[in-house]
Protein backbone atom coordinates (compact mmCIF):
# COMPACT_ATOMS: atom_id res chain seq x y z
CA MET A 1 0.00 0.00 0.00
CA THR A 2 1.06 3.58 -0.49
CA GLU A 3 0.65 6.67 1.65
CA ARG A 4 -2.43 7.55 -0.39
CA ASP A 5 -4.01 4.30 0.77
CA GLY A 6 -3.52 5.43 4.36
CA GLU A 7 -0.34 3.52 5.14
CA ARG A 8 3.25 4.68 4.89
CA PRO A 9 5.41 2.52 2.61
CA ALA A 10 8.14 0.63 4.42
CA LEU A 11 11.57 2.20 4.14
CA SER A 12 13.61 0.73 1.29
CA GLY A 13 16.93 1.61 2.87
CA LYS A 14 17.86 3.65 -0.21
CA VAL A 15 18.49 7.40 -0.37
CA ALA A 16 18.16 9.71 -3.38
CA LEU A 17 19.26 13.27 -4.03
CA VAL A 18 16.97 15.14 -6.42
CA THR A 19 17.94 18.63 -7.58
CA GLY A 20 15.39 21.30 -8.46
CA ALA A 21 12.68 19.45 -6.55
CA SER A 22 10.55 22.11 -4.89
CA ARG A 23 8.02 21.76 -7.71
CA GLY A 24 7.48 20.39 -11.22
CA ILE A 25 9.41 17.41 -12.53
CA GLY A 26 11.81 17.27 -9.59
CA TYR A 27 8.93 17.16 -7.13
CA GLY A 28 7.24 14.45 -9.21
CA VAL A 29 10.42 12.35 -9.08
CA ALA A 30 10.81 12.84 -5.32
CA GLU A 31 7.17 11.89 -4.81
CA ALA A 32 7.58 8.68 -6.81
CA LEU A 33 10.68 7.65 -4.88
CA ILE A 34 9.13 8.36 -1.50
CA ALA A 35 6.05 6.36 -2.55
CA ARG A 36 8.23 3.27 -2.84
CA GLY A 37 9.97 3.85 0.48
CA ASP A 38 13.13 5.77 -0.41
CA ARG A 39 14.31 8.72 1.62
CA VAL A 40 15.07 11.80 -0.44
CA VAL A 41 17.22 14.92 -0.27
CA ILE A 42 15.63 17.71 -2.30
CA THR A 43 17.32 20.91 -3.42
CA GLY A 44 16.09 24.17 -4.89
CA ARG A 45 16.79 27.91 -4.93
CA ASN A 46 13.74 29.05 -2.96
CA GLU A 47 14.06 28.00 0.66
CA ASP A 48 10.39 28.62 1.53
CA ALA A 49 9.12 26.64 -1.46
CA LEU A 50 11.56 23.85 -0.63
CA LYS A 51 10.41 23.65 2.99
CA GLU A 52 6.80 23.55 1.85
CA ALA A 53 7.58 20.70 -0.56
CA ALA A 54 9.40 18.79 2.16
CA GLY A 55 6.45 19.18 4.51
CA THR A 56 4.03 17.89 1.89
CA LEU A 57 6.26 14.98 0.92
CA GLY A 58 6.85 14.01 4.54
CA ALA A 59 9.47 15.77 6.63
CA ASP A 60 10.48 12.52 8.34
CA ARG A 61 11.70 11.12 5.03
CA VAL A 62 12.85 14.28 3.28
CA LEU A 63 15.82 16.57 3.83
CA ALA A 64 15.62 19.99 2.15
CA VAL A 65 18.83 21.81 1.26
CA ALA A 66 18.37 25.22 -0.35
CA GLY A 67 20.87 26.67 -2.80
CA LYS A 68 21.71 27.33 -6.43
CA ALA A 69 22.56 24.21 -8.41
CA HIS A 70 25.62 25.74 -10.09
CA ASP A 71 27.13 26.83 -6.74
CA GLU A 72 29.87 24.35 -5.87
CA ALA A 73 29.54 25.13 -2.17
CA HIS A 74 25.85 24.20 -2.37
CA GLN A 75 26.68 20.96 -4.19
CA ALA A 76 29.14 20.03 -1.46
CA ASP A 77 26.70 21.01 1.29
CA ALA A 78 23.82 18.98 -0.18
CA VAL A 79 25.89 15.81 -0.47
CA GLU A 80 27.56 16.26 2.92
CA ARG A 81 24.23 16.80 4.67
CA ALA A 82 22.77 13.76 2.91
CA MET A 83 25.63 11.66 4.24
CA GLU A 84 25.38 13.15 7.73
CA THR A 85 21.60 12.67 7.91
CA PHE A 86 21.04 9.41 6.06
CA GLY A 87 24.53 7.92 5.78
CA ARG A 88 24.35 7.22 2.04
CA VAL A 89 23.39 8.58 -1.40
CA ASP A 90 22.38 5.69 -3.65
CA TYR A 91 20.64 7.70 -6.36
CA LEU A 92 21.14 11.08 -7.98
CA VAL A 93 18.59 12.82 -10.18
CA ASN A 94 19.94 15.92 -11.90
CA ASN A 95 16.81 17.91 -12.66
CA ALA A 96 17.72 21.52 -11.84
CA GLY A 97 17.71 23.64 -14.98
CA THR A 98 17.12 27.06 -16.45
CA ASN A 99 16.01 28.59 -19.71
CA PRO A 100 16.09 32.39 -19.41
CA VAL A 101 15.98 33.13 -23.13
CA PHE A 102 13.54 32.46 -25.97
CA GLY A 103 14.47 33.41 -29.52
CA PRO A 104 16.82 32.77 -32.46
CA ILE A 105 20.14 31.32 -31.43
CA ALA A 106 21.91 33.63 -33.89
CA ASP A 107 21.09 36.55 -31.61
CA ILE A 108 21.59 35.01 -28.19
CA ASP A 109 23.74 36.80 -25.64
CA LEU A 110 26.75 34.53 -25.09
CA ASN A 111 26.76 35.30 -21.38
CA VAL A 112 23.22 33.95 -21.20
CA ALA A 113 24.30 30.83 -23.06
CA ARG A 114 27.11 30.36 -20.54
CA LYS A 115 24.62 30.67 -17.67
CA VAL A 116 22.41 28.00 -19.25
CA TYR A 117 25.35 25.60 -19.55
CA GLU A 118 26.57 26.34 -16.04
CA THR A 119 23.20 25.52 -14.51
CA ASN A 120 22.03 22.73 -16.79
CA VAL A 121 25.24 20.82 -17.49
CA VAL A 122 28.18 21.78 -15.27
CA SER A 123 26.07 21.55 -12.12
CA ALA A 124 24.97 18.04 -13.09
CA LEU A 125 28.58 17.00 -13.50
CA GLY A 126 29.44 18.57 -10.15
CA PHE A 127 26.71 16.68 -8.30
CA ALA A 128 27.68 13.44 -10.06
CA GLN A 129 31.31 13.84 -9.03
CA ARG A 130 30.34 14.44 -5.42
CA THR A 131 27.87 11.57 -5.05
CA TRP A 132 30.37 9.27 -6.76
CA HIS A 133 33.16 10.07 -4.32
CA ALA A 134 30.92 10.27 -1.25
CA TRP A 135 29.15 6.91 -1.66
CA GLN A 136 28.51 5.45 -5.08
CA LYS A 137 32.08 4.57 -6.07
CA ASP A 138 32.34 2.03 -3.24
CA ASN A 139 28.70 1.08 -2.82
CA GLY A 140 26.97 1.35 -6.20
CA GLY A 141 23.86 3.20 -7.24
CA ALA A 142 22.35 4.96 -10.23
CA ILE A 143 22.05 8.40 -11.78
CA VAL A 144 19.29 9.88 -13.93
CA ASN A 145 19.81 13.14 -15.79
CA ILE A 146 16.66 14.98 -16.85
CA ALA A 147 17.36 16.12 -20.40
CA SER A 148 14.69 17.09 -22.98
CA ILE A 149 13.48 16.28 -26.46
CA ALA A 150 15.00 19.68 -27.21
CA GLY A 151 18.35 17.93 -26.76
CA VAL A 152 17.68 15.19 -29.31
CA SER A 153 16.14 17.30 -32.07
CA ALA A 154 16.14 20.83 -33.42
CA SER A 155 14.19 23.17 -31.15
CA PRO A 156 13.44 26.54 -32.74
CA PHE A 157 13.66 29.43 -30.28
CA LEU A 158 14.99 27.11 -27.55
CA GLY A 159 18.46 26.76 -29.04
CA ALA A 160 20.65 27.36 -25.99
CA TYR A 161 18.42 25.16 -23.84
CA GLY A 162 18.45 22.42 -26.47
CA MET A 163 22.23 22.60 -26.80
CA SER A 164 22.62 22.24 -23.05
CA LYS A 165 20.27 19.27 -22.94
CA ALA A 166 22.16 17.59 -25.78
CA ALA A 167 25.29 18.06 -23.70
CA MET A 168 23.48 16.50 -20.75
CA VAL A 169 22.65 13.44 -22.84
CA ASN A 170 26.31 13.12 -23.79
CA LEU A 171 27.32 13.64 -20.16
CA SER A 172 25.17 10.61 -19.37
CA PHE A 173 27.08 8.59 -21.98
CA GLN A 174 30.44 9.63 -20.55
CA LEU A 175 29.47 8.94 -16.94
CA ALA A 176 27.82 5.62 -17.82
CA HIS A 177 31.02 4.44 -19.46
CA GLU A 178 33.32 5.70 -16.72
CA PHE A 179 31.19 4.64 -13.73
CA ALA A 180 30.34 1.14 -15.02
CA PRO A 181 29.83 -1.46 -13.72
CA VAL A 182 29.30 0.10 -10.29
CA VAL A 183 26.87 2.89 -11.15
CA ARG A 184 24.32 3.03 -13.95
CA VAL A 185 23.70 6.39 -15.64
CA ASN A 186 20.78 7.20 -17.94
CA SER A 187 18.87 10.25 -19.08
CA ILE A 188 15.20 11.04 -19.67
CA ALA A 189 14.12 13.32 -22.52
CA PRO A 190 10.63 14.64 -21.82
CA ALA A 191 8.42 16.56 -24.21
CA VAL A 192 6.31 19.40 -22.78
CA ILE A 193 5.41 18.71 -19.17
CA LYS A 194 2.76 20.80 -17.43
CA THR A 195 4.94 22.73 -15.00
CA LYS A 196 5.48 26.38 -14.19
CA PHE A 197 8.88 26.11 -15.90
CA ALA A 198 7.26 25.15 -19.23
CA SER A 199 4.07 27.18 -18.90
CA ALA A 200 5.01 29.60 -21.69
CA LEU A 201 4.77 26.69 -24.12
CA TYR A 202 1.14 25.87 -23.37
CA GLU A 203 -0.49 28.50 -21.14
CA ASN A 204 -3.88 29.64 -22.47
CA ARG A 205 -3.51 27.24 -25.41
CA GLU A 206 -3.19 23.81 -23.82
CA GLU A 207 -5.67 22.11 -26.15
CA GLU A 208 -3.83 23.45 -29.17
CA ALA A 209 -0.45 22.49 -27.72
CA ALA A 210 -1.64 18.96 -26.95
CA ALA A 211 -3.17 18.43 -30.39
CA GLY A 212 0.12 17.21 -31.84
CA TYR A 213 0.54 14.46 -29.23
CA PRO A 214 -0.83 11.04 -30.23
CA MET A 215 -1.60 10.38 -26.55
CA GLY A 216 -3.93 13.38 -26.62
CA ARG A 217 -2.46 15.32 -23.72
CA LEU A 218 0.65 17.05 -22.43
CA GLY A 219 2.82 15.32 -19.89
CA VAL A 220 2.57 15.76 -16.13
CA PRO A 221 5.35 15.46 -13.53
CA GLU A 222 4.11 12.02 -12.49
CA ASP A 223 4.92 10.72 -15.98
CA ILE A 224 8.58 11.57 -15.47
CA GLY A 225 8.54 10.50 -11.83
CA GLY A 226 7.47 7.01 -12.85
CA ALA A 227 10.12 6.78 -15.56
CA ALA A 228 12.86 7.95 -13.20
CA ALA A 229 11.75 5.53 -10.48
CA PHE A 230 12.01 2.67 -12.99
CA LEU A 231 15.51 3.67 -14.12
CA LEU A 232 16.53 3.91 -10.45
CA SER A 233 15.34 0.40 -9.69
CA ASP A 234 16.66 -3.14 -9.91
CA ALA A 235 14.21 -3.73 -12.77
CA ALA A 236 16.51 -1.51 -14.86
CA GLY A 237 19.64 -3.28 -13.67
CA TRP A 238 20.98 -3.93 -17.18
CA ILE A 239 20.18 -0.49 -18.58
CA THR A 240 22.88 2.16 -18.71
CA GLY A 241 23.97 4.88 -21.11
CA GLN A 242 20.47 5.19 -22.56
CA THR A 243 18.14 8.13 -23.19
CA LEU A 244 14.50 7.35 -22.52
CA VAL A 245 12.24 9.63 -24.58
CA VAL A 246 8.99 10.30 -22.72
CA ASP A 247 6.99 12.35 -25.19
CA GLY A 248 3.41 11.10 -25.41
CA GLY A 249 4.23 9.84 -28.91
CA LEU A 250 5.19 13.27 -30.26
CA PHE A 251 8.11 11.94 -32.29
CA LEU A 252 5.74 9.58 -34.12
CA ASN A 253 4.62 12.61 -36.09
CA ALA A 254 8.03 12.79 -37.71
CA GLY A 255 7.19 9.71 -39.80
CA VAL A 256 6.26 9.69 -43.46
């Protein structure tokens, strides 16, 4: 039974660190992991929002550590506090991301592009390095990087974001090769998920936006939470270096 059925799931003994988890996809991932009994460390920039998320998820099984994902001191603090509180970090989900610009890539401010890479890619590498050295190298585990379909196809007006997500997919390849056979590393490439982060892509036009999806709807955080929970489970024990596209069938429309 799950918490929704009125009974707390038994603790699995596993601990996950999920970045950017005060809301949206990160929250959906944390929720899915807690539902199966994992304890979770969640991070995010807004301390109040993070505390609220932790309270809703269950403060006895969640540790909230506020900070900016690209800040190396925050990365170190999050992993250190996870180890101090729970004694292990089996799973890492790199979800924190930013997309502060919308428009042609030919005109993008290069400083903005650098910020996108720093937050979306370099921070993911930093967290992976720290969880590897703190626990995973000697004890095993798994990593999931939240990429995007923007990283596996052309994405007009989302060029810098798409470039960063393509880099995140390749980061997953590199880590999967280097960390094998101890740690598995995969990425998830979602299409549009109904979150505040992606609201500009569907707000006030959701029916129109969803019309191109064979499944007839946009994604929700639970869709990605379920996919991440699978990749961070023994059922995915022979899967590494892969990118799971979760797109409601959107890519099917690229056929003849």
